[in-house]
Amino acid sequence: MTYQRAKNWKELREQVEIIDENLLNVEKYAFGQLRSDLDNATEGVALFRKDQFAHTTEVLMLKARLDVVLARVFNQIEMPLQMVRDNVTSLQKRVLNLERAR
């Protein structure tokens, strides 16, 4: 929109009022857009936090299950290893006794 130079104060005042109205409309539109963008961002953050909570909970549950499996595997391996250690210790004692008996 182009404006011609005002010929008198009345025309100048009218042009200023029109410019003020247009600026007000632009401000209303800009604030409306900002509000909409803010609402969308807030909603996005809420969804992200909800997903993050769900994923954190799932990770913690998987960690707990993994700890149980690791404990079970450790117990299954530890018992035979202890038996092997005991057998080696027993064999070492026998070998030592045989060497002494020579």
Protein backbone atom coordinates (compact mmCIF):
# COMPACT_ATOMS: atom_id res chain seq x y z
CA MET A 1 0.00 0.00 0.00
CA THR A 2 1.45 3.37 -0.95
CA TYR A 3 0.49 6.64 0.61
CA GLN A 4 0.53 10.07 -0.97
CA ARG A 5 1.81 13.00 0.91
CA ALA A 6 -0.91 14.48 3.10
CA LYS A 7 -2.17 17.88 1.99
CA ASN A 8 -3.33 18.94 5.42
CA TRP A 9 -3.45 17.90 9.07
CA LYS A 10 -6.75 16.11 8.67
CA GLU A 11 -5.43 13.87 5.90
CA LEU A 12 -2.25 13.29 7.86
CA ARG A 13 -4.26 12.25 10.92
CA GLU A 14 -6.38 9.89 8.80
CA GLN A 15 -3.28 8.29 7.28
CA VAL A 16 -1.72 7.88 10.72
CA GLU A 17 -4.92 6.22 11.98
CA ILE A 18 -4.91 3.83 9.01
CA ILE A 19 -1.24 3.01 9.64
CA ASP A 20 -1.97 2.47 13.35
CA GLU A 21 -4.86 0.11 12.49
CA ASN A 22 -2.67 -1.83 10.09
CA LEU A 23 0.13 -2.07 12.66
CA LEU A 24 -2.38 -3.26 15.25
CA ASN A 25 -3.58 -5.96 12.83
CA VAL A 26 -0.01 -7.04 12.17
CA GLU A 27 0.72 -7.17 15.91
CA LYS A 28 -2.41 -9.24 16.56
CA TYR A 29 -1.44 -11.66 13.79
CA ALA A 30 2.16 -11.90 15.02
CA PHE A 31 1.08 -12.48 18.63
CA GLY A 32 -1.42 -15.08 17.44
CA GLN A 33 1.32 -16.88 15.53
CA LEU A 34 3.68 -16.68 18.51
CA ARG A 35 0.99 -18.06 20.80
CA SER A 36 0.29 -20.88 18.38
CA ASP A 37 3.99 -21.67 18.06
CA LEU A 38 4.38 -21.60 21.83
CA ASP A 39 1.40 -23.93 22.29
CA ASN A 40 2.82 -26.34 19.71
CA ALA A 41 6.25 -26.27 21.33
CA THR A 42 4.74 -26.84 24.78
CA GLU A 43 2.75 -29.79 23.47
CA GLY A 44 5.87 -31.19 21.80
CA VAL A 45 7.85 -30.91 25.04
CA ALA A 46 5.07 -32.66 26.95
CA LEU A 47 5.03 -35.52 24.43
CA PHE A 48 8.82 -35.75 24.55
CA ARG A 49 8.80 -35.95 28.35
CA LYS A 50 6.10 -38.62 28.25
CA ASP A 51 8.15 -40.66 25.76
CA GLN A 52 11.32 -40.07 27.76
CA PHE A 53 9.62 -41.32 30.94
CA ALA A 54 8.35 -44.41 29.12
CA HIS A 55 11.79 -45.13 27.67
CA THR A 56 13.53 -44.53 30.98
CA THR A 57 11.12 -46.91 32.69
CA GLU A 58 11.66 -49.52 29.98
CA VAL A 59 15.45 -49.18 30.23
CA LEU A 60 15.29 -49.60 34.02
CA MET A 61 13.10 -52.70 33.65
CA LEU A 62 15.50 -54.19 31.09
CA LYS A 63 18.45 -53.42 33.37
CA ALA A 64 16.74 -55.21 36.25
CA ARG A 65 16.04 -58.24 34.04
CA LEU A 66 19.65 -58.22 32.83
CA ASP A 67 20.91 -58.09 36.43
CA VAL A 68 18.79 -61.15 37.25
CA VAL A 69 20.13 -63.03 34.22
CA LEU A 70 23.73 -62.05 35.00
CA ALA A 71 23.33 -63.19 38.61
CA ARG A 72 21.88 -66.50 37.45
CA VAL A 73 24.67 -67.02 34.91
CA PHE A 74 27.30 -66.04 37.48
CA ASN A 75 25.86 -68.56 39.95
CA GLN A 76 25.77 -71.25 37.26
CA ILE A 77 29.41 -70.59 36.37
CA GLU A 78 30.70 -69.88 39.87
CA MET A 79 29.67 -73.25 41.33
CA PRO A 80 31.52 -75.37 38.71
CA LEU A 81 34.54 -73.03 38.93
CA GLN A 82 34.63 -73.48 42.69
CA MET A 83 34.46 -77.24 42.20
CA VAL A 84 37.40 -77.06 39.78
CA ARG A 85 39.35 -74.91 42.26
CA ASP A 86 38.63 -77.40 45.03
CA ASN A 87 39.74 -80.29 42.81
CA VAL A 88 42.95 -78.48 41.83
CA THR A 89 43.68 -77.72 45.47
CA SER A 90 43.05 -81.35 46.36
CA LEU A 91 45.31 -82.54 43.55
CA GLN A 92 48.03 -80.10 44.61
CA LYS A 93 47.89 -81.50 48.14
CA ARG A 94 48.12 -85.07 46.82
CA VAL A 95 51.07 -84.20 44.59
CA LEU A 96 52.78 -82.49 47.52
CA ASN A 97 52.17 -85.56 49.72
CA LEU A 98 53.51 -87.86 47.01
CA GLU A 99 56.61 -85.71 46.61
CA ARG A 100 57.22 -85.77 50.36
CA ALA A 101 56.75 -89.50 50.47
CA ARG A 102 59.54 -90.06 47.95
